[in-house]
Protein backbone atom coordinates (compact mmCIF):
# COMPACT_ATOMS: atom_id res chain seq x y z
CA MET A 1 -13.04 12.80 -7.68
CA ARG A 2 -16.02 13.25 -5.84
CA GLN A 3 -17.96 10.43 -3.69
CA ILE A 4 -21.62 10.94 -4.00
CA VAL A 5 -25.13 9.46 -2.96
CA GLY A 6 -26.29 7.74 -6.03
CA SER A 7 -29.75 7.98 -4.77
CA SER A 8 -30.14 12.20 -4.41
CA LEU A 9 -29.74 12.09 -8.27
CA LEU A 10 -33.37 11.89 -8.19
CA LYS A 11 -33.53 15.17 -6.23
CA GLY A 12 -31.36 17.26 -8.54
CA ALA A 13 -28.29 18.16 -7.73
CA PRO A 14 -26.10 15.05 -6.38
CA GLN A 15 -25.24 14.81 -2.32
CA ILE A 16 -21.50 14.83 -2.01
CA ASN A 17 -20.04 12.45 0.75
CA HIS A 18 -16.11 13.29 0.14
CA THR A 19 -14.31 15.26 -2.38
CA SER A 20 -10.89 13.86 -3.13
CA ASP A 21 -7.89 15.56 -3.95
CA PHE A 22 -7.01 12.57 -6.43
CA ASP A 23 -8.30 11.81 -9.78
CA ALA A 24 -9.70 8.78 -11.17
CA ALA A 25 -6.30 7.61 -12.49
CA TYR A 26 -4.95 7.68 -9.23
CA PHE A 27 -7.59 5.17 -8.05
CA ALA A 28 -7.33 3.05 -11.04
CA SER A 29 -3.57 3.10 -10.74
CA LEU A 30 -4.19 1.57 -6.68
CA TYR A 31 -6.57 -0.54 -7.97
CA ARG A 32 -4.13 -1.92 -10.36
CA GLU A 33 -1.15 -2.58 -7.57
CA GLU A 34 -3.05 -3.95 -5.46
CA GLY A 35 -4.52 -6.46 -8.16
CA LEU A 36 -8.34 -5.67 -7.92
CA SER A 37 -9.76 -6.10 -11.00
CA GLY A 38 -13.36 -5.77 -12.07
CA GLY A 39 -13.85 -2.39 -10.75
CA HIS A 40 -16.61 0.32 -12.21
CA VAL A 41 -15.98 3.63 -13.57
CA ILE A 42 -19.16 5.55 -13.93
CA SER A 43 -20.10 8.39 -15.57
CA LEU A 44 -22.68 9.88 -13.98
CA GLY A 45 -22.99 13.40 -15.81
CA ASP A 46 -21.29 15.64 -18.15
CA ASN A 47 -17.31 16.73 -18.34
CA ASN A 48 -16.02 13.51 -16.98
CA GLN A 49 -14.91 11.76 -19.72
CA LYS A 50 -11.53 12.42 -19.75
CA GLN A 51 -11.16 11.57 -15.98
CA ALA A 52 -13.30 8.16 -17.10
CA VAL A 53 -10.72 7.43 -20.26
CA ALA A 54 -7.69 8.27 -17.75
CA ALA A 55 -9.00 5.68 -15.57
CA LEU A 56 -9.26 2.72 -17.82
CA GLY A 57 -5.71 3.71 -19.00
CA ALA A 58 -4.30 3.25 -16.14
CA TYR A 59 -5.44 -0.07 -15.43
CA ARG A 60 -6.08 -1.17 -18.80
CA GLY A 61 -8.18 -4.72 -18.49
CA GLY A 62 -8.71 -3.98 -15.44
CA LEU A 63 -11.81 -2.02 -15.03
CA GLN A 64 -15.46 -1.72 -16.54
CA TYR A 65 -17.01 1.48 -17.90
CA GLY A 66 -20.55 2.20 -17.77
CA GLY A 67 -22.68 5.59 -18.51
CA GLY A 68 -24.02 6.67 -22.10
CA VAL A 69 -22.90 3.19 -23.29
CA THR A 70 -24.46 2.72 -26.78
CA ALA A 71 -23.85 0.46 -29.97
CA GLU A 72 -22.37 3.08 -31.30
CA ASN A 73 -19.74 3.90 -28.93
CA ALA A 74 -19.16 0.92 -26.91
CA GLN A 75 -16.25 -0.27 -28.89
CA LYS A 76 -14.34 3.15 -28.03
CA TYR A 77 -14.20 2.28 -24.35
CA LEU A 78 -12.68 -1.12 -24.86
CA GLU A 79 -10.29 0.33 -26.84
CA ALA A 80 -9.37 3.09 -24.14
CA GLY A 81 -8.95 -0.05 -21.74
CA ALA A 82 -12.10 -1.17 -20.64
CA SER A 83 -12.36 -5.09 -19.74
CA HIS A 84 -16.21 -4.68 -20.29
CA VAL A 85 -18.79 -2.49 -21.02
CA ILE A 86 -21.88 -1.82 -18.62
CA ALA A 87 -25.68 -0.85 -20.52
CA THR A 88 -28.54 0.21 -19.01
CA SER A 89 -30.54 2.99 -20.38
CA TYR A 90 -29.45 2.06 -23.76
CA LEU A 91 -31.42 -1.02 -23.61
CA MET A 92 -34.24 0.70 -23.03
CA ASP A 93 -36.87 2.23 -25.51
CA ASN A 94 -39.63 4.45 -24.42
CA ASN A 95 -39.21 2.61 -20.93
CA ARG A 96 -39.53 -1.14 -22.25
CA PHE A 97 -36.68 -3.48 -22.73
CA CYS A 98 -35.28 -3.54 -26.35
CA TRP A 99 -33.75 -6.98 -27.45
CA GLU A 100 -32.99 -5.80 -30.95
CA ARG A 101 -30.26 -2.84 -28.99
CA LEU A 102 -29.16 -5.83 -26.78
CA GLU A 103 -28.29 -7.73 -30.10
CA GLN A 104 -26.82 -4.80 -31.65
CA LEU A 105 -24.46 -4.30 -28.49
CA LYS A 106 -23.38 -7.81 -28.41
CA LYS A 107 -22.49 -7.53 -32.12
CA GLU A 108 -20.11 -4.65 -31.09
CA VAL A 109 -18.49 -5.91 -28.49
CA GLY A 110 -19.36 -10.09 -27.99
CA GLN A 111 -21.15 -10.74 -25.14
CA GLU A 112 -17.98 -11.73 -23.17
CA HIS A 113 -17.29 -7.81 -22.96
CA LEU A 114 -21.05 -6.94 -22.01
CA VAL A 115 -22.38 -6.40 -18.38
CA ILE A 116 -26.23 -5.67 -17.99
CA ASP A 117 -26.78 -3.07 -15.09
CA LEU A 118 -30.17 -3.94 -13.64
CA SER A 119 -30.10 -1.29 -10.89
CA CYS A 120 -33.78 -1.01 -9.10
CA ARG A 121 -35.58 0.61 -6.93
CA LYS A 122 -38.20 -1.53 -4.29
CA THR A 123 -42.11 -0.48 -5.13
CA SER A 124 -45.05 -2.21 -4.47
CA ALA A 125 -44.88 -3.80 -7.75
CA GLY A 126 -41.45 -5.50 -7.05
CA TRP A 127 -37.95 -4.40 -7.82
CA VAL A 128 -38.45 -2.17 -10.86
CA VAL A 129 -35.09 -1.42 -12.88
CA ALA A 130 -34.24 2.18 -13.27
CA SER A 131 -32.65 3.67 -15.98
CA ASN A 132 -31.44 7.51 -16.65
CA ARG A 133 -29.10 7.55 -13.72
CA TRP A 134 -31.58 5.87 -11.68
CA GLN A 135 -34.04 8.61 -12.09
CA THR A 136 -36.22 6.82 -14.46
CA LEU A 137 -38.67 3.67 -13.57
CA THR A 138 -38.78 1.27 -16.55
CA LYS A 139 -41.53 -0.89 -17.26
CA MET A 140 -38.88 -3.89 -16.89
CA THR A 141 -39.59 -5.80 -13.10
CA LEU A 142 -36.63 -8.30 -11.60
CA THR A 143 -38.23 -11.59 -11.88
CA GLU A 144 -36.55 -14.82 -12.07
CA LYS A 145 -37.85 -14.68 -15.72
CA THR A 146 -35.57 -11.73 -16.37
CA ILE A 147 -32.61 -12.75 -14.60
CA LEU A 148 -32.60 -16.40 -16.87
CA GLU A 149 -33.50 -14.51 -19.77
CA LEU A 150 -30.54 -11.86 -19.63
CA GLN A 151 -27.96 -14.11 -18.16
CA GLU A 152 -27.75 -16.02 -21.69
CA ASN A 153 -26.90 -12.91 -23.20
CA CYS A 154 -23.97 -11.02 -21.02
CA ASN A 155 -21.17 -11.72 -19.20
CA GLU A 156 -22.16 -9.83 -15.69
CA PHE A 157 -24.82 -8.34 -14.07
CA LEU A 158 -24.17 -5.23 -11.89
CA ILE A 159 -27.16 -4.43 -9.38
CA HIS A 160 -27.44 -1.28 -7.32
CA ALA A 161 -30.32 -1.10 -4.88
CA ALA A 162 -30.55 2.09 -5.85
CA ASP A 163 -32.57 3.63 -2.64
CA GLU A 164 -29.76 2.43 -0.56
CA GLU A 165 -26.73 3.22 -2.55
CA GLY A 166 -24.33 5.57 -0.88
CA LYS A 167 -25.98 5.70 2.40
CA GLN A 168 -24.71 3.10 4.86
CA SER A 169 -27.34 2.65 6.01
CA GLY A 170 -28.00 -1.23 5.42
CA MET A 171 -28.04 -3.37 2.38
CA ASP A 172 -31.35 -4.97 0.75
CA GLU A 173 -30.75 -8.77 2.16
CA GLN A 174 -34.31 -9.93 0.31
CA LEU A 175 -32.63 -8.42 -2.85
CA ILE A 176 -29.01 -10.07 -1.91
CA LYS A 177 -31.05 -13.66 -1.37
CA PHE A 178 -33.24 -13.57 -4.81
CA LEU A 179 -30.34 -12.75 -6.59
CA GLY A 180 -28.20 -15.41 -5.21
CA GLN A 181 -30.86 -17.93 -5.96
CA TYR A 182 -31.57 -16.94 -9.24
CA CYS A 183 -28.09 -15.57 -10.87
CA ASP A 184 -25.74 -18.18 -12.54
CA ILE A 185 -23.05 -15.71 -14.26
CA PRO A 186 -20.65 -13.09 -11.97
CA THR A 187 -23.11 -10.68 -10.27
CA THR A 188 -21.95 -7.65 -8.24
CA TYR A 189 -24.61 -6.06 -5.46
CA ALA A 190 -24.22 -2.52 -4.68
CA GLY A 191 -25.97 -0.42 -2.16
CA GLY A 192 -25.94 0.17 1.58
CA ALA A 193 -22.58 -1.67 2.65
CA SER A 194 -21.28 0.03 5.89
CA SER A 195 -18.48 -2.43 7.30
CA LEU A 196 -16.15 -5.43 6.62
CA GLY A 197 -18.83 -7.50 7.91
CA ASP A 198 -21.17 -7.21 5.40
CA LEU A 199 -18.56 -8.98 2.81
CA ASP A 200 -19.22 -12.09 4.77
CA LYS A 201 -23.22 -10.99 5.17
CA VAL A 202 -23.28 -11.05 1.25
CA ALA A 203 -21.46 -13.98 1.10
CA ASN A 204 -23.62 -15.81 3.40
CA LEU A 205 -27.11 -14.48 1.94
CA SER A 206 -26.41 -15.62 -1.56
CA ASN A 207 -24.44 -18.95 -1.52
CA LYS A 208 -21.06 -17.22 -2.37
CA LYS A 209 -22.52 -16.18 -5.74
CA LEU A 210 -22.46 -12.48 -5.37
CA ASP A 211 -19.58 -9.78 -5.41
CA LEU A 212 -20.43 -6.70 -3.25
CA THR A 213 -19.10 -3.21 -4.04
CA ILE A 214 -18.04 -1.01 -0.66
CA GLY A 215 -17.85 3.11 -2.01
CA SER A 216 -18.82 5.30 0.97
CA ALA A 217 -18.08 3.23 3.84
CA LEU A 218 -14.48 2.83 2.40
CA ASP A 219 -11.79 4.99 3.84
CA ILE A 220 -9.98 6.16 0.76
CA PHE A 221 -13.69 7.30 -0.39
CA GLY A 222 -13.95 9.48 2.85
CA GLY A 223 -15.27 6.95 4.54
CA PHE A 224 -14.74 5.36 8.13
CA GLY A 225 -16.40 2.17 7.97
CA VAL A 226 -14.01 -0.14 6.72
CA THR A 227 -10.47 0.18 5.22
CA LEU A 228 -9.08 -0.73 1.68
CA GLU A 229 -6.50 -2.71 3.50
CA ASP A 230 -8.83 -4.96 5.39
CA CYS A 231 -10.81 -5.60 2.14
CA ILE A 232 -7.50 -6.49 0.33
CA LEU A 233 -6.98 -9.08 3.33
CA TRP A 234 -10.46 -10.49 3.23
CA ASN A 235 -10.29 -11.10 -0.67
CA ARG A 236 -7.29 -12.88 -0.03
CA SER A 237 -8.70 -15.44 2.45
CA ASN A 238 -12.06 -15.61 0.47
CA LYS A 239 -12.65 -15.72 -3.50
CA ASN A 240 -11.89 -12.54 -5.08
CA HIS A 241 -14.64 -10.24 -4.47
CA LYS A 242 -14.80 -7.07 -5.92
CA ILE A 243 -14.30 -3.90 -3.70
């Protein structure tokens, strides 16, 4: 398994932070043993479906799956063990949000199993939702209206600050505050976390409304900023945030 800098996908070959000797099922089993639910299994390229499905099977009902999800294949991932499917690019048609596709996906899996990914890049026009492994800027801007409309049609949001993801260079605090103000369903922010203190920072900035994903800084993924053990202890003394 490899840990990459997500934003480097824009440049072609991804920048690799860490290569592990363990496969995806190993990490899924580790999360299962520690009772860490809601983790994300994201397929970002070709030839990794076997690994993704193995991870879902190792922790049935404990992980969410994203990557190429459509109304036609979404049920397959739930049957493989995913608790939710995460949709992004499928919901865009000619780079515009397609409500018809959202309705099709809801019909197939149920709103209770649907996570909408609104990962975005910061531009002069605001936070613009990015699809196709964050390589394509869509016509959708992350606004109060966007949040309020979509949260009536899914179970959770997943939102990467795509420019910060994988760099450990600091989180988008303005985005975190914005999401904390308007999101009323479970929402996970990812991008730029580098220390255990970032868990407290996100909790404070969002009024305890957001979960935080820590990736490249985590010791099990080759990072040096924070250990999984410390994150688990923090979780147990606070609300059950995702790691």
